[in-house]
Amino acid sequence: MVEKLRIRVERLDPEQWRKHENPPVLPEPGPIHKVLPGLNKIIKEEASYQNDPVLHEVSDQCLPIMWAFRNAPKVGVHLVSPEGEVYDPDHPVWAESKQLDADERDG
């Protein structure tokens, strides 16, 4: 009976010759102040970032987590001011405020 089992395992096991090893040891992550700029650069090149005006308003420190949440299926994320206002880039008040900020910067 054991011999029959051995024959079946050898014949039916698709990975019978696979060598099992421990997972590779991953390097320690670098300090966040060195990793964050490169991560943000990658995110800003993504179409999902370029097509999402909400992400353009997020600080560099929060960008990776906001980008991840906004692109995760079945997850919704909104920017909320300390006063409790929800940021809607299509709302006329926000659009006007953004234009005023741009005009001030441009001088």
PDB file of N, CA and C in Angstrom:
ATOM      1  N   MET A   1       0.823  -1.192   0.000  1.00  0.00           N
ATOM      2  CA  MET A   1       0.000   0.000   0.000  1.00  0.00           C
ATOM      3  C   MET A   1       0.871   1.262   0.000  1.00  0.00           C
ATOM      4  N   VAL A   2       1.912   1.277   0.801  1.00  0.00           N
ATOM      5  CA  VAL A   2       2.799   2.431   0.849  1.00  0.00           C
ATOM      6  C   VAL A   2       3.499   2.599  -0.496  1.00  0.00           C
ATOM      7  N   GLU A   3       3.850   1.480  -1.123  1.00  0.00           N
ATOM      8  CA  GLU A   3       4.509   1.540  -2.431  1.00  0.00           C
ATOM      9  C   GLU A   3       3.580   2.150  -3.480  1.00  0.00           C
ATOM     10  N   LYS A   4       2.295   1.800  -3.442  1.00  0.00           N
ATOM     11  CA  LYS A   4       1.325   2.367  -4.389  1.00  0.00           C
ATOM     12  C   LYS A   4       1.203   3.885  -4.179  1.00  0.00           C
ATOM     13  N   LEU A   5       1.181   4.291  -2.911  1.00  0.00           N
ATOM     14  CA  LEU A   5       1.098   5.722  -2.609  1.00  0.00           C
ATOM     15  C   LEU A   5       2.339   6.455  -3.130  1.00  0.00           C
ATOM     16  N   ARG A   6       3.519   5.893  -2.918  1.00  0.00           N
ATOM     17  CA  ARG A   6       4.754   6.494  -3.397  1.00  0.00           C
ATOM     18  C   ARG A   6       4.740   6.666  -4.914  1.00  0.00           C
ATOM     19  N   ILE A   7       4.274   5.656  -5.628  1.00  0.00           N
ATOM     20  CA  ILE A   7       4.211   5.708  -7.093  1.00  0.00           C
ATOM     21  C   ILE A   7       3.237   6.793  -7.543  1.00  0.00           C
ATOM     22  N   ARG A   8       2.086   6.874  -6.900  1.00  0.00           N
ATOM     23  CA  ARG A   8       1.095   7.896  -7.269  1.00  0.00           C
ATOM     24  C   ARG A   8       1.626   9.306  -7.007  1.00  0.00           C
ATOM     25  N   VAL A   9       2.278   9.484  -5.882  1.00  0.00           N
ATOM     26  CA  VAL A   9       2.817  10.811  -5.560  1.00  0.00           C
ATOM     27  C   VAL A   9       3.856  11.215  -6.595  1.00  0.00           C
ATOM     28  N   GLU A  10       4.753  10.312  -6.943  1.00  0.00           N
ATOM     29  CA  GLU A  10       5.779  10.625  -7.934  1.00  0.00           C
ATOM     30  C   GLU A  10       5.172  10.911  -9.296  1.00  0.00           C
ATOM     31  N   ARG A  11       4.114  10.188  -9.630  1.00  0.00           N
ATOM     32  CA  ARG A  11       3.507  10.350 -10.946  1.00  0.00           C
ATOM     33  C   ARG A  11       2.613  11.588 -11.016  1.00  0.00           C
ATOM     34  N   LEU A  12       1.901  11.904  -9.954  1.00  0.00           N
ATOM     35  CA  LEU A  12       0.896  12.968  -9.993  1.00  0.00           C
ATOM     36  C   LEU A  12       1.376  14.315  -9.431  1.00  0.00           C
ATOM     37  N   ASP A  13       2.442  14.312  -8.668  1.00  0.00           N
ATOM     38  CA  ASP A  13       2.923  15.556  -8.080  1.00  0.00           C
ATOM     39  C   ASP A  13       3.636  16.380  -9.154  1.00  0.00           C
ATOM     40  N   PRO A  14       3.049  17.531  -9.571  1.00  0.00           N
ATOM     41  CA  PRO A  14       3.659  18.305 -10.654  1.00  0.00           C
ATOM     42  C   PRO A  14       4.984  18.959 -10.248  1.00  0.00           C
ATOM     43  N   GLU A  15       5.216  19.085  -8.980  1.00  0.00           N
ATOM     44  CA  GLU A  15       6.435  19.743  -8.542  1.00  0.00           C
ATOM     45  C   GLU A  15       7.302  18.798  -7.729  1.00  0.00           C
ATOM     46  N   GLN A  16       7.350  17.569  -8.166  1.00  0.00           N
ATOM     47  CA  GLN A  16       8.059  16.577  -7.366  1.00  0.00           C
ATOM     48  C   GLN A  16       9.554  16.848  -7.251  1.00  0.00           C
ATOM     49  N   TRP A  17      10.109  17.576  -8.202  1.00  0.00           N
ATOM     50  CA  TRP A  17      11.544  17.832  -8.164  1.00  0.00           C
ATOM     51  C   TRP A  17      11.864  19.225  -7.638  1.00  0.00           C
ATOM     52  N   ARG A  18      10.839  19.947  -7.219  1.00  0.00           N
ATOM     53  CA  ARG A  18      11.053  21.316  -6.740  1.00  0.00           C
ATOM     54  C   ARG A  18      11.846  21.305  -5.434  1.00  0.00           C
ATOM     55  N   LYS A  19      12.822  22.173  -5.381  1.00  0.00           N
ATOM     56  CA  LYS A  19      13.637  22.288  -4.182  1.00  0.00           C
ATOM     57  C   LYS A  19      13.049  23.404  -3.315  1.00  0.00           C
ATOM     58  N   HIS A  20      12.693  23.085  -2.094  1.00  0.00           N
ATOM     59  CA  HIS A  20      12.088  24.069  -1.198  1.00  0.00           C
ATOM     60  C   HIS A  20      13.176  24.725  -0.360  1.00  0.00           C
ATOM     61  N   GLU A  21      13.152  26.050  -0.358  1.00  0.00           N
ATOM     62  CA  GLU A  21      14.137  26.814   0.393  1.00  0.00           C
ATOM     63  C   GLU A  21      13.418  27.855   1.229  1.00  0.00           C
ATOM     64  N   ASN A  22      14.123  28.392   2.195  1.00  0.00           N
ATOM     65  CA  ASN A  22      13.569  29.474   2.996  1.00  0.00           C
ATOM     66  C   ASN A  22      13.405  30.717   2.123  1.00  0.00           C
ATOM     67  N   PRO A  23      12.424  31.580   2.447  1.00  0.00           N
ATOM     68  CA  PRO A  23      12.265  32.805   1.649  1.00  0.00           C
ATOM     69  C   PRO A  23      13.510  33.678   1.769  1.00  0.00           C
ATOM     70  N   PRO A  24      13.779  34.481   0.746  1.00  0.00           N
ATOM     71  CA  PRO A  24      14.968  35.337   0.809  1.00  0.00           C
ATOM     72  C   PRO A  24      14.840  36.381   1.915  1.00  0.00           C
ATOM     73  N   VAL A  25      15.944  36.756   2.458  1.00  0.00           N
ATOM     74  CA  VAL A  25      15.972  37.793   3.498  1.00  0.00           C
ATOM     75  C   VAL A  25      15.925  39.143   2.794  1.00  0.00           C
ATOM     76  N   LEU A  26      14.920  39.937   3.127  1.00  0.00           N
ATOM     77  CA  LEU A  26      14.753  41.251   2.505  1.00  0.00           C
ATOM     78  C   LEU A  26      15.614  42.282   3.232  1.00  0.00           C
ATOM     79  N   PRO A  27      16.155  43.236   2.497  1.00  0.00           N
ATOM     80  CA  PRO A  27      16.953  44.277   3.157  1.00  0.00           C
ATOM     81  C   PRO A  27      16.060  45.178   4.003  1.00  0.00           C
ATOM     82  N   GLU A  28      16.647  45.771   5.003  1.00  0.00           N
ATOM     83  CA  GLU A  28      15.909  46.713   5.841  1.00  0.00           C
ATOM     84  C   GLU A  28      15.509  47.920   4.991  1.00  0.00           C
ATOM     85  N   PRO A  29      14.283  48.430   5.163  1.00  0.00           N
ATOM     86  CA  PRO A  29      13.906  49.629   4.408  1.00  0.00           C
ATOM     87  C   PRO A  29      14.759  50.819   4.838  1.00  0.00           C
ATOM     88  N   GLY A  30      15.004  51.705   3.897  1.00  0.00           N
ATOM     89  CA  GLY A  30      15.809  52.886   4.187  1.00  0.00           C
ATOM     90  C   GLY A  30      15.035  53.894   5.006  1.00  0.00           C
ATOM     91  N   PRO A  31      15.707  54.944   5.456  1.00  0.00           N
ATOM     92  CA  PRO A  31      15.015  55.991   6.207  1.00  0.00           C
ATOM     93  C   PRO A  31      13.971  56.675   5.317  1.00  0.00           C
ATOM     94  N   ILE A  32      12.847  57.009   5.906  1.00  0.00           N
ATOM     95  CA  ILE A  32      11.716  57.541   5.136  1.00  0.00           C
ATOM     96  C   ILE A  32      12.090  58.807   4.380  1.00  0.00           C
ATOM     97  N   HIS A  33      12.957  59.652   4.940  1.00  0.00           N
ATOM     98  CA  HIS A  33      13.309  60.898   4.248  1.00  0.00           C
ATOM     99  C   HIS A  33      14.118  60.628   2.975  1.00  0.00           C
ATOM    100  N   LYS A  34      14.685  59.425   2.850  1.00  0.00           N
ATOM    101  CA  LYS A  34      15.408  59.079   1.626  1.00  0.00           C
ATOM    102  C   LYS A  34      14.529  58.296   0.659  1.00  0.00           C
ATOM    103  N   VAL A  35      13.560  57.555   1.178  1.00  0.00           N
ATOM    104  CA  VAL A  35      12.696  56.709   0.346  1.00  0.00           C
ATOM    105  C   VAL A  35      11.534  57.499  -0.252  1.00  0.00           C
ATOM    106  N   LEU A  36      10.977  58.411   0.526  1.00  0.00           N
ATOM    107  CA  LEU A  36       9.761  59.128   0.131  1.00  0.00           C
ATOM    108  C   LEU A  36       9.882  59.900  -1.183  1.00  0.00           C
ATOM    109  N   PRO A  37      10.944  60.640  -1.445  1.00  0.00           N
ATOM    110  CA  PRO A  37      11.020  61.370  -2.724  1.00  0.00           C
ATOM    111  C   PRO A  37      10.959  60.439  -3.946  1.00  0.00           C
ATOM    112  N   GLY A  38      11.649  59.319  -3.894  1.00  0.00           N
ATOM    113  CA  GLY A  38      11.619  58.386  -5.017  1.00  0.00           C
ATOM    114  C   GLY A  38      10.252  57.752  -5.190  1.00  0.00           C
ATOM    115  N   LEU A  39       9.603  57.421  -4.072  1.00  0.00           N
ATOM    116  CA  LEU A  39       8.263  56.842  -4.126  1.00  0.00           C
ATOM    117  C   LEU A  39       7.273  57.841  -4.706  1.00  0.00           C
ATOM    118  N   ASN A  40       7.355  59.094  -4.273  1.00  0.00           N
ATOM    119  CA  ASN A  40       6.461  60.124  -4.805  1.00  0.00           C
ATOM    120  C   ASN A  40       6.695  60.350  -6.297  1.00  0.00           C
ATOM    121  N   LYS A  41       7.931  60.283  -6.730  1.00  0.00           N
ATOM    122  CA  LYS A  41       8.223  60.452  -8.157  1.00  0.00           C
ATOM    123  C   LYS A  41       7.544  59.359  -8.981  1.00  0.00           C
ATOM    124  N   ILE A  42       7.610  58.134  -8.500  1.00  0.00           N
ATOM    125  CA  ILE A  42       6.961  57.014  -9.197  1.00  0.00           C
ATOM    126  C   ILE A  42       5.457  57.227  -9.249  1.00  0.00           C
ATOM    127  N   ILE A  43       4.864  57.613  -8.123  1.00  0.00           N
ATOM    128  CA  ILE A  43       3.408  57.827  -8.059  1.00  0.00           C
ATOM    129  C   ILE A  43       2.984  58.933  -9.013  1.00  0.00           C
ATOM    130  N   LYS A  44       3.747  60.027  -9.058  1.00  0.00           N
ATOM    131  CA  LYS A  44       3.375  61.176  -9.887  1.00  0.00           C
ATOM    132  C   LYS A  44       3.477  60.883 -11.379  1.00  0.00           C
ATOM    133  N   GLU A  45       4.166  59.827 -11.743  1.00  0.00           N
ATOM    134  CA  GLU A  45       4.239  59.417 -13.149  1.00  0.00           C
ATOM    135  C   GLU A  45       3.077  58.506 -13.543  1.00  0.00           C
ATOM    136  N   GLU A  46       2.319  58.017 -12.569  1.00  0.00           N
ATOM    137  CA  GLU A  46       1.191  57.137 -12.839  1.00  0.00           C
ATOM    138  C   GLU A  46       0.004  57.925 -13.389  1.00  0.00           C
ATOM    139  N   ALA A  47      -0.701  57.325 -14.333  1.00  0.00           N
ATOM    140  CA  ALA A  47      -1.893  57.971 -14.904  1.00  0.00           C
ATOM    141  C   ALA A  47      -2.954  58.185 -13.834  1.00  0.00           C
ATOM    142  N   SER A  48      -3.048  57.276 -12.878  1.00  0.00           N
ATOM    143  CA  SER A  48      -4.056  57.409 -11.817  1.00  0.00           C
ATOM    144  C   SER A  48      -3.813  58.669 -10.986  1.00  0.00           C
ATOM    145  N   TYR A  49      -2.564  59.062 -10.818  1.00  0.00           N
ATOM    146  CA  TYR A  49      -2.257  60.306 -10.116  1.00  0.00           C
ATOM    147  C   TYR A  49      -2.566  61.503 -11.015  1.00  0.00           C
ATOM    148  N   GLN A  50      -2.134  61.446 -12.253  1.00  0.00           N
ATOM    149  CA  GLN A  50      -2.293  62.571 -13.165  1.00  0.00           C
ATOM    150  C   GLN A  50      -3.754  62.885 -13.438  1.00  0.00           C
ATOM    151  N   ASN A  51      -4.633  61.878 -13.362  1.00  0.00           N
ATOM    152  CA  ASN A  51      -6.052  62.080 -13.639  1.00  0.00           C
ATOM    153  C   ASN A  51      -6.872  62.341 -12.381  1.00  0.00           C
ATOM    154  N   ASP A  52      -6.240  62.476 -11.231  1.00  0.00           N
ATOM    155  CA  ASP A  52      -6.970  62.668  -9.973  1.00  0.00           C
ATOM    156  C   ASP A  52      -6.583  64.006  -9.346  1.00  0.00           C
ATOM    157  N   PRO A  53      -7.393  65.057  -9.529  1.00  0.00           N
ATOM    158  CA  PRO A  53      -7.041  66.372  -8.988  1.00  0.00           C
ATOM    159  C   PRO A  53      -6.966  66.402  -7.462  1.00  0.00           C
ATOM    160  N   VAL A  54      -7.645  65.495  -6.789  1.00  0.00           N
ATOM    161  CA  VAL A  54      -7.579  65.459  -5.327  1.00  0.00           C
ATOM    162  C   VAL A  54      -6.156  65.150  -4.876  1.00  0.00           C
ATOM    163  N   LEU A  55      -5.504  64.218  -5.549  1.00  0.00           N
ATOM    164  CA  LEU A  55      -4.144  63.845  -5.165  1.00  0.00           C
ATOM    165  C   LEU A  55      -3.146  64.978  -5.377  1.00  0.00           C
ATOM    166  N   HIS A  56      -3.460  65.895  -6.272  1.00  0.00           N
ATOM    167  CA  HIS A  56      -2.561  67.029  -6.513  1.00  0.00           C
ATOM    168  C   HIS A  56      -2.524  67.978  -5.321  1.00  0.00           C
ATOM    169  N   GLU A  57      -3.530  67.911  -4.463  1.00  0.00           N
ATOM    170  CA  GLU A  57      -3.623  68.784  -3.295  1.00  0.00           C
ATOM    171  C   GLU A  57      -3.000  68.162  -2.046  1.00  0.00           C
ATOM    172  N   VAL A  58      -2.598  66.911  -2.123  1.00  0.00           N
ATOM    173  CA  VAL A  58      -2.090  66.185  -0.958  1.00  0.00           C
ATOM    174  C   VAL A  58      -0.604  66.481  -0.770  1.00  0.00           C
ATOM    175  N   SER A  59      -0.176  66.602   0.489  1.00  0.00           N
ATOM    176  CA  SER A  59       1.243  66.840   0.780  1.00  0.00           C
ATOM    177  C   SER A  59       2.063  65.614   0.384  1.00  0.00           C
ATOM    178  N   ASP A  60       3.350  65.829   0.169  1.00  0.00           N
ATOM    179  CA  ASP A  60       4.233  64.730  -0.220  1.00  0.00           C
ATOM    180  C   ASP A  60       4.298  63.648   0.849  1.00  0.00           C
ATOM    181  N   GLN A  61       4.176  64.029   2.110  1.00  0.00           N
ATOM    182  CA  GLN A  61       4.218  63.034   3.184  1.00  0.00           C
ATOM    183  C   GLN A  61       3.024  62.105   3.150  1.00  0.00           C
ATOM    184  N   CYS A  62       1.863  62.608   2.753  1.00  0.00           N
ATOM    185  CA  CYS A  62       0.635  61.808   2.751  1.00  0.00           C
ATOM    186  C   CYS A  62       0.345  61.164   1.400  1.00  0.00           C
ATOM    187  N   LEU A  63       1.062  61.575   0.367  1.00  0.00           N
ATOM    188  CA  LEU A  63       0.746  61.117  -0.984  1.00  0.00           C
ATOM    189  C   LEU A  63       0.738  59.594  -1.138  1.00  0.00           C
ATOM    190  N   PRO A  64       1.731  58.854  -0.667  1.00  0.00           N
ATOM    191  CA  PRO A  64       1.695  57.401  -0.901  1.00  0.00           C
ATOM    192  C   PRO A  64       0.455  56.720  -0.325  1.00  0.00           C
ATOM    193  N   ILE A  65       0.077  57.079   0.895  1.00  0.00           N
ATOM    194  CA  ILE A  65      -1.082  56.407   1.503  1.00  0.00           C
ATOM    195  C   ILE A  65      -2.381  56.856   0.843  1.00  0.00           C
ATOM    196  N   MET A  66      -2.491  58.147   0.503  1.00  0.00           N
ATOM    197  CA  MET A  66      -3.702  58.622  -0.176  1.00  0.00           C
ATOM    198  C   MET A  66      -3.827  57.991  -1.559  1.00  0.00           C
ATOM    199  N   TRP A  67      -2.722  57.905  -2.272  1.00  0.00           N
ATOM    200  CA  TRP A  67      -2.739  57.292  -3.607  1.00  0.00           C
ATOM    201  C   TRP A  67      -3.168  55.829  -3.497  1.00  0.00           C
ATOM    202  N   ALA A  68      -2.624  55.136  -2.510  1.00  0.00           N
ATOM    203  CA  ALA A  68      -2.980  53.725  -2.331  1.00  0.00           C
ATOM    204  C   ALA A  68      -4.464  53.569  -2.018  1.00  0.00           C
ATOM    205  N   PHE A  69      -4.976  54.391  -1.110  1.00  0.00           N
ATOM    206  CA  PHE A  69      -6.388  54.295  -0.756  1.00  0.00           C
ATOM    207  C   PHE A  69      -7.297  54.663  -1.924  1.00  0.00           C
ATOM    208  N   ARG A  70      -6.943  55.714  -2.647  1.00  0.00           N
ATOM    209  CA  ARG A  70      -7.812  56.166  -3.738  1.00  0.00           C
ATOM    210  C   ARG A  70      -7.804  55.205  -4.924  1.00  0.00           C
ATOM    211  N   ASN A  71      -6.789  54.364  -5.019  1.00  0.00           N
ATOM    212  CA  ASN A  71      -6.723  53.410  -6.121  1.00  0.00           C
ATOM    213  C   ASN A  71      -7.089  51.992  -5.715  1.00  0.00           C
ATOM    214  N   ALA A  72      -7.394  51.798  -4.453  1.00  0.00           N
ATOM    215  CA  ALA A  72      -7.808  50.476  -3.984  1.00  0.00           C
ATOM    216  C   ALA A  72      -9.283  50.270  -4.310  1.00  0.00           C
ATOM    217  N   PRO A  73      -9.643  49.100  -4.828  1.00  0.00           N
ATOM    218  CA  PRO A  73     -11.048  48.854  -5.134  1.00  0.00           C
ATOM    219  C   PRO A  73     -11.888  48.846  -3.851  1.00  0.00           C
ATOM    220  N   LYS A  74     -13.069  49.409  -3.947  1.00  0.00           N
ATOM    221  CA  LYS A  74     -14.045  49.447  -2.853  1.00  0.00           C
ATOM    222  C   LYS A  74     -13.575  50.246  -1.642  1.00  0.00           C
ATOM    223  N   VAL A  75     -12.674  51.209  -1.854  1.00  0.00           N
ATOM    224  CA  VAL A  75     -12.227  52.084  -0.773  1.00  0.00           C
ATOM    225  C   VAL A  75     -12.434  53.518  -1.239  1.00  0.00           C
ATOM    226  N   GLY A  76     -13.035  54.327  -0.416  1.00  0.00           N
ATOM    227  CA  GLY A  76     -13.235  55.725  -0.751  1.00  0.00           C
ATOM    228  C   GLY A  76     -12.487  56.614   0.225  1.00  0.00           C
ATOM    229  N   VAL A  77     -11.831  57.637  -0.272  1.00  0.00           N
ATOM    230  CA  VAL A  77     -11.068  58.554   0.574  1.00  0.00           C
ATOM    231  C   VAL A  77     -11.364  59.966   0.125  1.00  0.00           C
ATOM    232  N   HIS A  78     -11.564  60.850   1.088  1.00  0.00           N
ATOM    233  CA  HIS A  78     -11.814  62.256   0.785  1.00  0.00           C
ATOM    234  C   HIS A  78     -10.931  63.116   1.679  1.00  0.00           C
ATOM    235  N   LEU A  79     -10.517  64.250   1.165  1.00  0.00           N
ATOM    236  CA  LEU A  79      -9.808  65.227   1.984  1.00  0.00           C
ATOM    237  C   LEU A  79     -10.842  66.030   2.759  1.00  0.00           C
ATOM    238  N   VAL A  80     -10.605  66.188   4.060  1.00  0.00           N
ATOM    239  CA  VAL A  80     -11.515  66.945   4.908  1.00  0.00           C
ATOM    240  C   VAL A  80     -10.699  67.995   5.652  1.00  0.00           C
ATOM    241  N   SER A  81     -11.186  69.239   5.619  1.00  0.00           N
ATOM    242  CA  SER A  81     -10.480  70.331   6.303  1.00  0.00           C
ATOM    243  C   SER A  81     -10.687  70.199   7.812  1.00  0.00           C
ATOM    244  N   PRO A  82      -9.880  70.900   8.606  1.00  0.00           N
ATOM    245  CA  PRO A  82     -10.092  70.872  10.062  1.00  0.00           C
ATOM    246  C   PRO A  82     -11.479  71.366  10.472  1.00  0.00           C
ATOM    247  N   GLU A  83     -12.096  72.168   9.611  1.00  0.00           N
ATOM    248  CA  GLU A  83     -13.454  72.656   9.905  1.00  0.00           C
ATOM    249  C   GLU A  83     -14.526  71.646   9.513  1.00  0.00           C
ATOM    250  N   GLY A  84     -14.137  70.547   8.910  1.00  0.00           N
ATOM    251  CA  GLY A  84     -15.084  69.507   8.542  1.00  0.00           C
ATOM    252  C   GLY A  84     -15.589  69.590   7.111  1.00  0.00           C
ATOM    253  N   GLU A  85     -15.025  70.483   6.312  1.00  0.00           N
ATOM    254  CA  GLU A  85     -15.447  70.596   4.919  1.00  0.00           C
ATOM    255  C   GLU A  85     -14.785  69.508   4.087  1.00  0.00           C
ATOM    256  N   VAL A  86     -15.579  68.859   3.263  1.00  0.00           N
ATOM    257  CA  VAL A  86     -15.050  67.819   2.380  1.00  0.00           C
ATOM    258  C   VAL A  86     -14.583  68.479   1.094  1.00  0.00           C
ATOM    259  N   TYR A  87     -13.338  68.184   0.698  1.00  0.00           N
ATOM    260  CA  TYR A  87     -12.773  68.759  -0.514  1.00  0.00           C
ATOM    261  C   TYR A  87     -13.354  68.069  -1.733  1.00  0.00           C
ATOM    262  N   ASP A  88     -13.978  68.854  -2.602  1.00  0.00           N
ATOM    263  CA  ASP A  88     -14.501  68.357  -3.872  1.00  0.00           C
ATOM    264  C   ASP A  88     -13.897  69.233  -4.965  1.00  0.00           C
ATOM    265  N   PRO A  89     -12.963  68.705  -5.763  1.00  0.00           N
ATOM    266  CA  PRO A  89     -12.282  69.543  -6.746  1.00  0.00           C
ATOM    267  C   PRO A  89     -13.211  70.128  -7.805  1.00  0.00           C
ATOM    268  N   ASP A  90     -14.394  69.533  -7.971  1.00  0.00           N
ATOM    269  CA  ASP A  90     -15.327  70.032  -8.983  1.00  0.00           C
ATOM    270  C   ASP A  90     -16.268  71.110  -8.437  1.00  0.00           C
ATOM    271  N   HIS A  91     -16.281  71.288  -7.128  1.00  0.00           N
ATOM    272  CA  HIS A  91     -17.168  72.289  -6.533  1.00  0.00           C
ATOM    273  C   HIS A  91     -16.640  73.685  -6.866  1.00  0.00           C
ATOM    274  N   PRO A  92     -17.519  74.617  -7.246  1.00  0.00           N
ATOM    275  CA  PRO A  92     -17.076  75.959  -7.662  1.00  0.00           C
ATOM    276  C   PRO A  92     -16.259  76.704  -6.605  1.00  0.00           C
ATOM    277  N   VAL A  93     -16.565  76.518  -5.336  1.00  0.00           N
ATOM    278  CA  VAL A  93     -15.827  77.221  -4.283  1.00  0.00           C
ATOM    279  C   VAL A  93     -14.371  76.766  -4.271  1.00  0.00           C
ATOM    280  N   TRP A  94     -14.134  75.475  -4.366  1.00  0.00           N
ATOM    281  CA  TRP A  94     -12.769  74.959  -4.369  1.00  0.00           C
ATOM    282  C   TRP A  94     -12.031  75.386  -5.633  1.00  0.00           C
ATOM    283  N   ALA A  95     -12.720  75.341  -6.762  1.00  0.00           N
ATOM    284  CA  ALA A  95     -12.088  75.739  -8.018  1.00  0.00           C
ATOM    285  C   ALA A  95     -11.687  77.212  -7.962  1.00  0.00           C
ATOM    286  N   GLU A  96     -12.575  78.058  -7.403  1.00  0.00           N
ATOM    287  CA  GLU A  96     -12.275  79.489  -7.289  1.00  0.00           C
ATOM    288  C   GLU A  96     -11.106  79.708  -6.331  1.00  0.00           C
ATOM    289  N   SER A  97     -11.109  79.003  -5.212  1.00  0.00           N
ATOM    290  CA  SER A  97     -10.028  79.125  -4.233  1.00  0.00           C
ATOM    291  C   SER A  97      -8.696  78.703  -4.841  1.00  0.00           C
ATOM    292  N   LYS A  98      -8.724  77.644  -5.612  1.00  0.00           N
ATOM    293  CA  LYS A  98      -7.502  77.160  -6.251  1.00  0.00           C
ATOM    294  C   LYS A  98      -6.978  78.192  -7.256  1.00  0.00           C
ATOM    295  N   GLN A  99      -7.878  78.839  -7.983  1.00  0.00           N
ATOM    296  CA  GLN A  99      -7.485  79.859  -8.949  1.00  0.00           C
ATOM    297  C   GLN A  99      -6.892  81.067  -8.233  1.00  0.00           C
ATOM    298  N   LEU A 100      -7.488  81.459  -7.098  1.00  0.00           N
ATOM    299  CA  LEU A 100      -6.942  82.588  -6.326  1.00  0.00           C
ATOM    300  C   LEU A 100      -5.542  82.265  -5.819  1.00  0.00           C
ATOM    301  N   ASP A 101      -5.336  81.049  -5.346  1.00  0.00           N
ATOM    302  CA  ASP A 101      -4.010  80.636  -4.886  1.00  0.00           C
ATOM    303  C   ASP A 101      -3.000  80.696  -6.018  1.00  0.00           C
ATOM    304  N   ALA A 102      -3.396  80.238  -7.205  1.00  0.00           N
ATOM    305  CA  ALA A 102      -2.506  80.253  -8.358  1.00  0.00           C
ATOM    306  C   ALA A 102      -2.176  81.678  -8.766  1.00  0.00           C
ATOM    307  N   ASP A 103      -3.173  82.566  -8.704  1.00  0.00           N
ATOM    308  CA  ASP A 103      -2.947  83.971  -9.054  1.00  0.00           C
ATOM    309  C   ASP A 103      -1.973  84.632  -8.060  1.00  0.00           C
ATOM    310  N   GLU A 104      -2.096  84.289  -6.788  1.00  0.00           N
ATOM    311  CA  GLU A 104      -1.196  84.850  -5.770  1.00  0.00           C
ATOM    312  C   GLU A 104       0.235  84.372  -6.007  1.00  0.00           C
ATOM    313  N   ARG A 105       0.391  83.086  -6.341  1.00  0.00           N
ATOM    314  CA  ARG A 105       1.721  82.562  -6.595  1.00  0.00           C
ATOM    315  C   ARG A 105       2.357  83.184  -7.813  1.00  0.00           C
ATOM    316  N   ASP A 106       1.534  83.367  -8.858  1.00  0.00           N
ATOM    317  CA  ASP A 106       2.057  83.900 -10.107  1.00  0.00           C
ATOM    318  C   ASP A 106       2.339  85.404 -10.011  1.00  0.00           C
ATOM    319  N   GLY A 107       1.774  86.022  -8.983  1.00  0.00           N
ATOM    320  CA  GLY A 107       2.107  87.407  -8.724  1.00  0.00           C
ATOM    321  C   GLY A 107       1.297  88.393  -9.434  1.00  0.00           C
TER     322      GLY A 107
END
